Amino acid sequence: MKPLAQRLTHRTLISHGDMSAAYRARDTALDRDVFLKLLHPHMAAEPDLRARFEREARAAARLDHPQLVRIYEVGEDPDEGPFMLLEWVEGMTLRAAIAREGTLGVAEVRRLGESMLSALAELHDAGILHRDVKPDNILRRNDGAFKLTDFSLALLADAPKLTHHQAVVGTPAYLAPELARGKAPSQQTDLFALGVALFEAATGSNPFSADSLLESLRRVREVEPDWAALNAVGDANLTMLVRVCLEKEPNDRPASARAALEAFSGQAPMRTLSRRSRRPLALSIAVLVAIVSVAILFWPHSGRQLNTSSLVPAMPQDSNPVSASMDSAGLRPQQDTTAIVEQPVEPVKPRPQVADTVVRKVVAAVDTVEWMLDTTPWAHVSLGGVEIGTTPLSNPLRISAGLHTIVLRNPAYPPIQVALDARANGRQTIKLPEYVEHVALEVEPWGEVYLDNELLGTTPLPTLLRVLPGEHRLRVTHPNFPPVSKQWRATAGDTLRYAVNMSNSEFVVAREVP
């Protein structure tokens, strides 16, 4: 197989995240557009992570489902490292569709729900959790079909860089409450995120979105969505699906995406969606049976034989199904509601389900501090994936006391992560140049420059390169000469000068003090 540089043409950068870079490109071997994902060198340098990425990417590539973006190829390029080639989808993200149209029609939201449940069922059956279901990762093709994409968090869930800089994995306003409390992800956390996306598509608003990470996580744990807005959509089954997916406790959500799909698509009764509704009924009957049993043992019989079959209270024939344990015990609805005992048994209310009494507990408030932040030059500030504002901030950050990691973004710099030791009120000015290494590059006669697999442009470049500390790779190509590359470890605050001669593949390196 040819190297990617020879096989793929017309690359266009789409996104550059913490773990990978994504491009649209033309695959000349297959004559089609593809979606290229390249794992960053600092991620690929972790042997365990690289092995996990390749193993799970190949497992995902075996999936062939109309609502999942296809993975065509998984491999490792000699120059560009681990990569994935995926199906290119002509259309837009669900996020863009909501921004443009406000809300989707009820029929389209239903189709969206069925499509995403089907996609998640396929993933979950293969042992893969998506972990980042949100409108940005749902594509609407030009023909109206929906596809789930972006398995980055699914395939890289154990990435040390990600888990070090974020307390939770995923996007805050779509995180299930148990994830916000530090619990492990599950099928039910994917279903919660889907419930948020469906609510947003139907009403045009995210019920848990907030200006800060802490507020967003608080809303996820404590706030109920505006159910009246969802009811106004006018589809009872859609409303029920969303409500059950957004239950605060995972055990009250559907047992699986497959079970939810069967109910929502009409293959099973809608009442089977919720596991909450069946447990109180089973529990109440079990309690009543126990009471009656005690009555039978200790009631003053006066020597008379009791017909115990009539002591079981009747249930209407169309009541919700109860657990399999009840069926195996031989309990069936009875038409006669009269128990032949001489004195009435004191009615006993069923014990409330534990989930009904404890799941809404409010997490105790944590101590907060005020932190005034400024940068040189200016930067957009985000905390935990939530945009805070642009420096100089007009108001101090209100954050929980302790250690935090903020991300600073300026177009002239890579995203810079800075640790804040905010144990008390304070002030901090951050100088962005101190967090990067500056690289000057001179190429003879000229060349196209790639930094960590990202095309920067053709020399002479208009500015110095600014790179974060750590391992990096520079690669320069020219149509008449072999490509040349260099890997090095950058140091914050340094300046590095490269002189590259393409005709003899020579690098001349000199480190300077700025």
Protein backbone atom coordinates (compact mmCIF):
# COMPACT_ATOMS: atom_id res chain seq x y z
CA MET A 1 0.00 0.00 0.00
CA LYS A 2 1.30 3.45 -0.92
CA PRO A 3 2.13 5.97 1.83
CA LEU A 4 -0.68 8.40 2.58
CA ALA A 5 1.30 11.30 1.12
CA GLN A 6 1.28 9.58 -2.29
CA ARG A 7 -2.20 8.13 -2.06
CA LEU A 8 -4.27 11.04 -0.69
CA THR A 9 -4.60 14.39 -2.43
CA HIS A 10 -6.48 17.66 -1.83
CA ARG A 11 -6.25 17.48 1.96
CA THR A 12 -8.33 20.03 3.83
CA LEU A 13 -7.99 20.37 7.61
CA ILE A 14 -11.36 20.03 9.33
CA SER A 15 -10.41 19.86 13.01
CA HIS A 16 -7.38 19.62 15.26
CA GLY A 17 -8.15 18.18 18.68
CA ASP A 18 -6.19 16.96 21.68
CA MET A 19 -5.96 13.42 20.33
CA SER A 20 -6.06 13.63 16.55
CA ALA A 21 -6.31 15.79 13.46
CA ALA A 22 -9.08 15.29 10.89
CA TYR A 23 -9.01 16.03 7.17
CA ARG A 24 -11.12 15.70 4.09
CA ALA A 25 -9.03 14.14 1.32
CA ARG A 26 -9.27 12.43 -2.05
CA ASP A 27 -8.25 8.77 -2.14
CA THR A 28 -6.72 8.37 -5.59
CA ALA A 29 -6.52 4.58 -5.25
CA LEU A 30 -10.30 4.24 -4.82
CA ASP A 31 -11.30 7.50 -6.52
CA ARG A 32 -13.47 8.79 -3.67
CA ASP A 33 -13.45 11.40 -0.94
CA VAL A 34 -12.55 10.13 2.52
CA PHE A 35 -12.39 11.38 6.08
CA LEU A 36 -8.82 11.00 7.40
CA LYS A 37 -7.99 10.86 11.10
CA LEU A 38 -4.35 10.98 12.20
CA LEU A 39 -3.36 10.19 15.77
CA HIS A 40 -1.07 12.87 17.21
CA PRO A 41 2.54 11.78 17.82
CA HIS A 42 2.32 12.31 21.59
CA MET A 43 -0.64 9.89 21.65
CA ALA A 44 1.01 7.39 19.33
CA ALA A 45 4.11 7.41 21.56
CA GLU A 46 2.16 5.48 24.23
CA PRO A 47 2.59 1.77 23.29
CA ASP A 48 -0.48 0.58 25.22
CA LEU A 49 -2.61 3.36 23.79
CA ARG A 50 -1.42 2.70 20.25
CA ALA A 51 -2.23 -1.02 20.61
CA ARG A 52 -5.68 -0.25 22.04
CA PHE A 53 -6.40 2.24 19.27
CA GLU A 54 -5.49 -0.24 16.55
CA ARG A 55 -7.36 -3.14 18.20
CA GLU A 56 -10.62 -1.28 18.79
CA ALA A 57 -10.46 0.63 15.52
CA ARG A 58 -10.23 -2.67 13.67
CA ALA A 59 -13.16 -4.01 15.69
CA ALA A 60 -15.21 -0.93 14.77
CA ALA A 61 -14.14 -1.28 11.14
CA ARG A 62 -15.85 -4.68 11.02
CA LEU A 63 -19.21 -3.04 11.73
CA ASP A 64 -21.38 -2.46 8.68
CA HIS A 65 -24.48 -0.51 9.65
CA PRO A 66 -26.37 2.15 7.68
CA GLN A 67 -26.48 4.55 10.66
CA LEU A 68 -22.77 4.27 11.48
CA VAL A 69 -20.08 6.06 9.51
CA ARG A 70 -18.01 3.32 7.89
CA ILE A 71 -14.35 2.86 8.78
CA TYR A 72 -12.65 1.86 5.54
CA GLU A 73 -9.13 1.28 6.74
CA VAL A 74 -7.00 1.30 9.86
CA GLY A 75 -3.22 1.32 9.64
CA GLU A 76 0.08 3.01 10.36
CA ASP A 77 1.82 5.21 7.84
CA PRO A 78 5.66 5.27 7.96
CA ASP A 79 5.70 9.08 7.99
CA GLU A 80 2.39 10.06 9.57
CA GLY A 81 1.76 7.35 12.15
CA PRO A 82 -1.52 5.61 13.10
CA PHE A 83 -4.50 6.60 10.95
CA MET A 84 -8.10 5.81 10.11
CA LEU A 85 -9.83 6.32 6.77
CA LEU A 86 -13.57 6.78 7.14
CA GLU A 87 -16.57 7.34 4.93
CA TRP A 88 -17.02 10.95 3.83
CA VAL A 89 -20.64 12.05 4.38
CA GLU A 90 -22.07 14.86 2.27
CA GLY A 91 -24.35 16.88 4.50
CA MET A 92 -24.13 18.69 7.83
CA THR A 93 -23.94 17.96 11.53
CA LEU A 94 -27.10 17.89 13.63
CA ARG A 95 -25.62 20.89 15.47
CA ALA A 96 -25.53 22.88 12.22
CA ALA A 97 -29.05 21.76 11.32
CA ILE A 98 -30.44 22.94 14.68
CA ALA A 99 -28.57 26.24 14.37
CA ARG A 100 -29.98 26.81 10.89
CA GLU A 101 -33.53 25.53 11.39
CA GLY A 102 -34.17 26.11 15.10
CA THR A 103 -35.92 22.77 15.61
CA LEU A 104 -36.49 19.65 13.56
CA GLY A 105 -39.99 18.49 12.67
CA VAL A 106 -41.48 15.77 14.84
CA ALA A 107 -41.28 13.16 12.07
CA GLU A 108 -37.60 13.94 11.56
CA VAL A 109 -36.87 13.78 15.29
CA ARG A 110 -38.55 10.37 15.41
CA ARG A 111 -36.39 9.22 12.51
CA LEU A 112 -33.35 10.63 14.30
CA GLY A 113 -34.27 8.71 17.45
CA GLU A 114 -34.72 5.40 15.65
CA SER A 115 -31.50 5.89 13.67
CA MET A 116 -29.36 6.68 16.70
CA LEU A 117 -30.86 3.90 18.83
CA SER A 118 -30.10 1.49 16.00
CA ALA A 119 -26.52 2.80 15.71
CA LEU A 120 -25.92 2.59 19.47
CA ALA A 121 -27.41 -0.91 19.61
CA GLU A 122 -24.94 -2.01 16.95
CA LEU A 123 -22.01 -0.45 18.81
CA HIS A 124 -23.07 -1.79 22.20
CA ASP A 125 -23.62 -5.29 20.84
CA ALA A 126 -20.00 -5.16 19.65
CA GLY A 127 -18.84 -4.11 23.12
CA ILE A 128 -18.11 -0.49 22.15
CA LEU A 129 -19.40 2.54 24.09
CA HIS A 130 -19.49 5.77 22.11
CA ARG A 131 -18.98 8.07 25.14
CA ASP A 132 -19.54 11.34 23.26
CA VAL A 133 -23.01 11.27 21.69
CA LYS A 134 -23.97 14.87 20.86
CA PRO A 135 -25.29 16.87 17.86
CA ASP A 136 -21.72 17.59 16.70
CA ASN A 137 -21.15 13.85 16.21
CA ILE A 138 -24.42 13.13 14.40
CA LEU A 139 -24.42 13.74 10.65
CA ARG A 140 -27.49 14.44 8.53
CA ARG A 141 -26.87 13.46 4.95
CA ASN A 142 -28.26 15.52 2.11
CA ASP A 143 -30.91 12.83 1.58
CA GLY A 144 -32.07 13.18 5.22
CA ALA A 145 -30.51 10.00 6.63
CA PHE A 146 -28.68 10.25 9.98
CA LYS A 147 -25.31 8.71 10.82
CA LEU A 148 -23.36 8.51 14.07
CA THR A 149 -19.69 9.36 13.78
CA ASP A 150 -16.51 10.17 15.73
CA PHE A 151 -15.36 7.19 17.75
CA SER A 152 -12.38 9.13 19.16
CA LEU A 153 -13.48 8.85 22.77
CA ALA A 154 -14.70 5.30 22.28
CA LEU A 155 -11.35 4.18 20.88
CA LEU A 156 -9.19 6.37 23.11
CA ALA A 157 -11.15 6.26 26.34
CA ASP A 158 -8.05 5.44 28.39
CA ALA A 159 -5.89 8.19 26.89
CA PRO A 160 -3.73 9.55 29.71
CA LYS A 161 -3.64 13.08 28.27
CA LEU A 162 -7.40 13.34 28.24
CA THR A 163 -8.09 11.87 31.63
CA HIS A 164 -5.33 13.98 33.19
CA HIS A 165 -6.72 17.28 31.98
CA GLN A 166 -10.43 16.56 32.40
CA ALA A 167 -12.22 15.14 35.40
CA VAL A 168 -14.82 13.63 33.10
CA VAL A 169 -14.72 12.30 29.55
CA GLY A 170 -17.23 13.81 27.15
CA THR A 171 -19.10 17.08 26.76
CA PRO A 172 -20.54 18.46 30.06
CA ALA A 173 -24.09 19.27 28.93
CA TYR A 174 -24.50 15.70 27.59
CA LEU A 175 -22.92 13.85 30.52
CA ALA A 176 -25.07 11.48 32.52
CA PRO A 177 -25.30 12.39 36.23
CA GLU A 178 -23.35 9.30 37.27
CA LEU A 179 -20.43 10.38 35.05
CA ALA A 180 -20.51 13.80 36.68
CA ARG A 181 -20.12 11.93 39.98
CA GLY A 182 -17.11 10.02 38.66
CA LYS A 183 -18.83 6.70 37.96
CA ALA A 184 -17.92 4.42 35.06
CA PRO A 185 -19.62 4.84 31.66
CA SER A 186 -22.19 2.32 30.45
CA GLN A 187 -24.79 1.81 27.76
CA GLN A 188 -27.11 3.96 29.88
CA THR A 189 -24.70 6.93 29.76
CA ASP A 190 -24.83 6.83 25.95
CA LEU A 191 -28.65 6.71 26.16
CA PHE A 192 -28.70 9.75 28.45
CA ALA A 193 -26.60 11.73 25.96
CA LEU A 194 -28.94 10.67 23.16
CA GLY A 195 -31.90 11.86 25.22
CA VAL A 196 -30.30 15.31 25.51
CA ALA A 197 -29.65 15.42 21.76
CA LEU A 198 -33.26 14.44 20.98
CA PHE A 199 -34.60 17.04 23.43
CA GLU A 200 -32.41 19.65 21.74
CA ALA A 201 -33.52 18.63 18.24
CA ALA A 202 -37.21 18.73 19.23
CA THR A 203 -37.21 21.97 21.26
CA GLY A 204 -34.14 23.86 20.03
CA SER A 205 -32.56 24.11 23.49
CA ASN A 206 -30.25 22.04 25.67
CA PRO A 207 -31.74 21.71 29.17
CA PHE A 208 -28.35 21.44 30.87
CA SER A 209 -26.28 23.99 28.94
CA ALA A 210 -24.65 26.65 31.13
CA ASP A 211 -21.91 29.27 31.10
CA SER A 212 -19.61 27.25 33.34
CA LEU A 213 -18.60 23.64 33.77
CA LEU A 214 -19.72 23.50 37.40
CA GLU A 215 -23.16 24.93 36.60
CA SER A 216 -23.62 22.55 33.69
CA LEU A 217 -22.73 19.56 35.85
CA ARG A 218 -25.06 20.82 38.60
CA ARG A 219 -27.93 21.05 36.13
CA VAL A 220 -27.25 17.55 34.86
CA ARG A 221 -27.46 16.23 38.43
CA GLU A 222 -30.33 18.31 39.78
CA VAL A 223 -32.39 20.12 37.14
CA GLU A 224 -35.40 18.64 35.35
CA PRO A 225 -35.80 19.69 31.69
CA ASP A 226 -38.74 21.80 30.55
CA TRP A 227 -41.10 18.90 29.93
CA ALA A 228 -43.88 21.27 28.84
CA ALA A 229 -41.74 22.35 25.88
CA LEU A 230 -41.22 18.72 24.91
CA ASN A 231 -44.91 17.87 25.38
CA ALA A 232 -45.78 20.71 23.01
CA VAL A 233 -44.10 18.76 20.20
CA GLY A 234 -47.18 16.55 20.26
CA ASP A 235 -45.74 13.03 20.10
CA ALA A 236 -46.39 10.99 23.25
CA ASN A 237 -44.02 8.15 22.34
CA LEU A 238 -41.17 10.53 21.55
CA THR A 239 -41.78 12.35 24.83
CA MET A 240 -41.71 9.07 26.73
CA LEU A 241 -38.47 7.96 25.06
CA VAL A 242 -36.72 11.23 25.92
CA ARG A 243 -38.05 11.27 29.49
CA VAL A 244 -36.90 7.73 30.18
CA CYS A 245 -33.46 8.32 28.61
CA LEU A 246 -33.04 11.41 30.81
CA GLU A 247 -33.78 9.65 34.10
CA LYS A 248 -31.20 10.72 36.67
CA GLU A 249 -30.44 7.13 37.73
CA PRO A 250 -29.02 4.71 35.13
CA ASN A 251 -31.17 1.83 36.43
CA ASP A 252 -34.29 3.81 35.52
CA ARG A 253 -33.24 4.22 31.89
CA PRO A 254 -33.86 1.57 29.23
CA ALA A 255 -32.06 -1.71 29.80
CA SER A 256 -30.27 -1.31 26.47
CA ALA A 257 -30.34 0.65 23.23
CA ARG A 258 -31.72 -2.48 21.57
CA ALA A 259 -34.64 -2.66 24.01
CA ALA A 260 -35.36 1.05 23.56
CA LEU A 261 -35.29 0.66 19.78
CA GLU A 262 -37.75 -2.24 19.87
CA ALA A 263 -40.19 -0.26 22.01
CA PHE A 264 -39.88 3.02 20.11
CA SER A 265 -40.20 1.35 16.70
CA GLY A 266 -43.33 -0.55 17.73
CA GLN A 267 -41.78 -4.02 18.05
CA ALA A 268 -42.50 -4.04 21.80
CA PRO A 269 -44.96 -2.14 24.05
CA MET A 270 -43.81 1.38 24.91
CA ARG A 271 -44.40 0.64 28.60
CA THR A 272 -41.38 -1.71 28.47
CA LEU A 273 -39.11 1.31 27.92
CA SER A 274 -38.91 2.15 31.60
CA ARG A 275 -37.57 -0.22 34.21
CA ARG A 276 -38.75 2.16 36.94
CA SER A 277 -42.47 1.58 36.34
CA ARG A 278 -42.25 -2.18 36.71
CA ARG A 279 -40.29 -2.39 39.94
CA PRO A 280 -42.77 -0.61 42.26
CA LEU A 281 -45.59 -2.86 41.01
CA ALA A 282 -43.60 -6.03 41.58
CA LEU A 283 -42.47 -4.75 44.97
CA SER A 284 -45.99 -3.81 46.11
CA ILE A 285 -47.41 -7.20 45.16
CA ALA A 286 -44.55 -8.97 46.89
CA VAL A 287 -45.25 -6.97 50.06
CA LEU A 288 -48.97 -7.76 49.89
CA VAL A 289 -48.28 -11.45 49.39
CA ALA A 290 -46.02 -11.39 52.46
CA ILE A 291 -48.71 -9.66 54.54
CA VAL A 292 -51.34 -12.15 53.47
CA SER A 293 -49.01 -15.04 54.26
CA VAL A 294 -48.51 -13.70 57.77
CA ALA A 295 -52.27 -13.29 58.12
CA ILE A 296 -52.82 -16.90 57.10
CA LEU A 297 -50.35 -18.16 59.69
CA PHE A 298 -51.53 -16.09 62.64
CA TRP A 299 -55.23 -15.39 61.95
CA PRO A 300 -57.72 -16.92 64.48
CA HIS A 301 -59.25 -19.51 62.12
CA SER A 302 -61.86 -20.94 64.56
CA GLY A 303 -61.21 -24.28 62.91
CA ARG A 304 -62.38 -23.11 59.48
CA GLN A 305 -60.41 -23.89 56.30
CA LEU A 306 -59.47 -20.79 54.32
CA ASN A 307 -59.54 -20.53 50.51
CA THR A 308 -56.11 -18.95 50.13
CA SER A 309 -56.42 -18.54 46.38
CA SER A 310 -58.75 -15.58 46.83
CA LEU A 311 -56.35 -13.73 49.13
CA VAL A 312 -54.28 -12.36 46.24
CA PRO A 313 -55.61 -8.92 45.24
CA ALA A 314 -56.77 -8.57 41.66
CA MET A 315 -54.98 -6.61 38.93
CA PRO A 316 -56.72 -5.29 35.82
CA GLN A 317 -55.91 -7.33 32.74
CA ASP A 318 -54.25 -4.41 30.96
CA SER A 319 -51.90 -3.45 33.79
CA ASN A 320 -48.18 -3.14 33.23
CA PRO A 321 -46.20 -6.41 33.12
CA VAL A 322 -44.42 -7.44 36.28
CA SER A 323 -41.11 -9.15 36.79
CA ALA A 324 -40.36 -12.67 35.64
CA SER A 325 -40.05 -13.77 39.26
CA MET A 326 -43.75 -13.02 39.79
CA ASP A 327 -44.74 -15.04 36.75
CA SER A 328 -42.67 -17.98 37.94
CA ALA A 329 -44.37 -17.72 41.34
CA GLY A 330 -47.73 -18.33 39.68
CA LEU A 331 -49.30 -14.94 40.45
CA ARG A 332 -52.12 -14.12 38.03
CA PRO A 333 -54.82 -11.41 37.99
CA GLN A 334 -57.98 -12.39 39.87
CA GLN A 335 -61.48 -11.09 39.07
CA ASP A 336 -62.88 -11.43 42.63
CA THR A 337 -61.43 -8.73 44.86
CA THR A 338 -63.06 -10.05 48.09
CA ALA A 339 -60.83 -11.85 50.57
CA ILE A 340 -62.84 -14.25 52.79
CA VAL A 341 -61.46 -13.27 56.17
CA GLU A 342 -63.52 -12.22 59.18
CA GLN A 343 -61.65 -8.96 59.79
CA PRO A 344 -60.14 -6.63 57.19
CA VAL A 345 -56.41 -6.68 56.84
CA GLU A 346 -54.93 -3.26 57.55
CA PRO A 347 -53.88 -1.91 54.13
CA VAL A 348 -50.12 -1.68 53.78
CA LYS A 349 -48.58 0.82 51.44
CA PRO A 350 -45.79 -0.62 49.31
CA ARG A 351 -42.34 0.46 50.41
CA PRO A 352 -41.13 3.25 48.17
CA GLN A 353 -38.53 2.27 45.64
CA VAL A 354 -35.09 3.24 46.82
CA ALA A 355 -34.42 5.14 43.61
CA ASP A 356 -37.53 7.28 44.23
CA THR A 357 -36.19 8.52 47.54
CA VAL A 358 -32.48 8.96 46.99
CA VAL A 359 -31.72 9.72 43.37
CA ARG A 360 -32.61 13.40 43.65
CA LYS A 361 -30.22 14.16 46.48
CA VAL A 362 -28.49 17.45 45.93
CA VAL A 363 -24.73 17.19 45.95
CA ALA A 364 -23.29 19.32 48.72
CA ALA A 365 -21.99 22.66 47.58
CA VAL A 366 -18.23 22.98 47.41
CA ASP A 367 -16.18 25.97 48.50
CA THR A 368 -15.60 28.42 45.66
CA VAL A 369 -12.93 31.01 45.06
CA GLU A 370 -12.63 34.02 42.75
CA TRP A 371 -9.69 33.99 40.33
CA MET A 372 -8.87 37.02 38.19
CA LEU A 373 -7.18 35.95 34.96
CA ASP A 374 -5.36 37.85 32.20
CA THR A 375 -3.05 36.80 29.37
CA THR A 376 -0.45 38.28 27.04
CA PRO A 377 -1.48 38.33 24.22
CA TRP A 378 -5.27 37.87 24.49
CA ALA A 379 -6.82 34.41 24.55
CA HIS A 380 -10.16 32.63 24.66
CA VAL A 381 -10.48 30.79 27.98
CA SER A 382 -12.23 27.46 28.52
CA LEU A 383 -12.54 25.22 31.55
CA GLY A 384 -13.58 21.59 31.17
CA GLY A 385 -14.69 22.17 27.59
CA VAL A 386 -16.90 25.15 28.49
CA GLU A 387 -16.03 28.57 27.07
CA ILE A 388 -15.54 31.12 29.87
CA GLY A 389 -14.72 34.28 27.92
CA THR A 390 -11.87 36.25 26.33
CA THR A 391 -9.07 37.92 28.25
CA PRO A 392 -8.97 40.34 29.85
CA LEU A 393 -11.98 38.83 31.65
CA SER A 394 -14.43 41.43 32.90
CA ASN A 395 -15.25 39.33 35.98
CA PRO A 396 -13.18 36.87 38.00
CA LEU A 397 -13.66 33.14 37.52
CA ARG A 398 -15.82 31.56 40.22
CA ILE A 399 -14.45 28.03 40.58
CA SER A 400 -14.26 25.37 43.25
CA ALA A 401 -11.21 25.67 45.47
CA GLY A 402 -8.39 23.40 44.32
CA LEU A 403 -6.44 22.50 41.21
CA HIS A 404 -7.91 23.22 37.76
CA THR A 405 -6.69 23.11 34.18
CA ILE A 406 -7.75 25.86 31.78
CA VAL A 407 -7.23 25.94 28.02
CA LEU A 408 -6.13 29.17 26.30
CA ARG A 409 -6.69 29.65 22.57
CA ASN A 410 -5.23 32.32 20.32
CA PRO A 411 -5.02 31.86 16.52
CA ALA A 412 -1.25 32.43 16.58
CA TYR A 413 -0.66 29.69 19.19
CA PRO A 414 -1.58 26.06 19.70
CA PRO A 415 -4.13 25.44 22.49
CA ILE A 416 -2.22 26.00 25.73
CA GLN A 417 -3.19 24.15 28.90
CA VAL A 418 -2.33 25.89 32.17
CA ALA A 419 -2.71 24.53 35.69
CA LEU A 420 -4.37 26.84 38.22
CA ASP A 421 -3.65 26.29 41.92
CA ALA A 422 -6.77 28.10 43.08
CA ARG A 423 -6.96 27.28 46.76
CA ALA A 424 -7.83 30.88 47.66
CA ASN A 425 -8.85 34.05 45.85
CA GLY A 426 -6.09 35.19 43.53
CA ARG A 427 -4.90 36.84 40.34
CA GLN A 428 -2.70 35.50 37.53
CA THR A 429 -1.28 36.89 34.28
CA ILE A 430 -0.17 34.25 31.79
CA LYS A 431 2.36 35.01 29.06
CA LEU A 432 1.63 32.66 26.17
CA PRO A 433 5.17 32.84 24.63
CA GLU A 434 6.58 31.24 27.78
CA TYR A 435 4.52 28.09 27.18
CA VAL A 436 5.72 27.30 23.64
CA GLU A 437 8.89 26.79 21.66
CA HIS A 438 9.41 29.04 18.63
CA VAL A 439 10.71 27.41 15.44
CA ALA A 440 12.17 29.30 12.48
CA LEU A 441 12.33 27.37 9.21
CA GLU A 442 14.29 28.13 6.06
CA VAL A 443 13.94 25.76 3.09
CA GLU A 444 15.94 25.70 -0.14
CA PRO A 445 14.60 25.92 -2.77
CA TRP A 446 11.13 25.69 -1.17
CA GLY A 447 8.78 23.07 0.25
CA GLU A 448 5.43 22.23 1.78
CA VAL A 449 5.71 22.05 5.57
CA TYR A 450 3.88 19.56 7.79
CA LEU A 451 3.96 19.79 11.57
CA ASP A 452 2.68 16.66 13.32
CA ASN A 453 0.97 15.61 10.06
CA GLU A 454 -0.82 18.96 9.68
CA LEU A 455 -0.08 20.92 6.51
CA LEU A 456 0.98 24.44 7.52
CA GLY A 457 1.68 25.86 4.07
CA THR A 458 4.46 26.51 1.57
CA THR A 459 7.73 28.22 2.48
CA PRO A 460 8.54 30.91 3.20
CA LEU A 461 6.11 30.70 6.12
CA PRO A 462 4.74 34.07 7.26
CA THR A 463 5.54 33.58 10.97
CA LEU A 464 7.59 31.49 13.35
CA LEU A 465 6.10 28.14 14.28
CA ARG A 466 4.91 27.89 17.86
CA VAL A 467 4.82 24.38 19.31
CA LEU A 468 4.00 22.95 22.72
CA PRO A 469 6.65 21.16 24.80
CA GLY A 470 7.08 17.49 23.91
CA GLU A 471 7.74 15.27 20.91
CA HIS A 472 7.05 16.74 17.45
CA ARG A 473 7.80 15.90 13.84
CA LEU A 474 8.52 18.33 11.00
CA ARG A 475 8.22 17.06 7.44
CA VAL A 476 9.01 19.00 4.27
CA THR A 477 8.03 17.83 0.78
CA HIS A 478 8.90 18.98 -2.73
CA PRO A 479 7.70 17.45 -6.03
CA ASN A 480 11.27 17.02 -7.33
CA PHE A 481 13.02 15.76 -4.18
CA PRO A 482 12.50 13.06 -1.56
CA PRO A 483 10.61 14.23 1.54
CA VAL A 484 12.73 15.03 4.57
CA SER A 485 11.62 14.91 8.19
CA LYS A 486 12.94 15.54 11.65
CA GLN A 487 11.63 14.53 15.06
CA TRP A 488 12.65 16.47 18.15
CA ARG A 489 11.58 17.32 21.68
CA ALA A 490 10.46 20.92 22.10
CA THR A 491 11.21 22.94 25.24
CA ALA A 492 8.99 25.79 26.43
CA GLY A 493 10.59 29.22 26.06
CA ASP A 494 13.30 28.15 23.57
CA THR A 495 13.80 29.15 19.94
CA LEU A 496 14.91 26.57 17.38
CA ARG A 497 16.16 27.40 13.89
CA TYR A 498 16.09 24.85 11.05
CA ALA A 499 17.80 25.26 7.70
CA VAL A 500 16.64 22.60 5.22
CA ASN A 501 18.25 21.84 1.87
CA MET A 502 15.88 19.67 -0.15
CA SER A 503 18.48 18.76 -2.80
CA ASN A 504 20.64 16.82 -0.33
CA SER A 505 18.02 16.17 2.42
CA GLU A 506 20.06 18.15 4.92
CA PHE A 507 18.87 19.67 8.20
CA VAL A 508 21.04 22.26 9.94
CA VAL A 509 19.87 22.87 13.49
CA ALA A 510 20.92 25.64 15.86
CA ARG A 511 19.25 26.34 19.21
CA GLU A 512 19.15 29.98 20.27
CA VAL A 513 18.17 31.83 23.40
CA PRO A 514 15.30 34.23 22.55
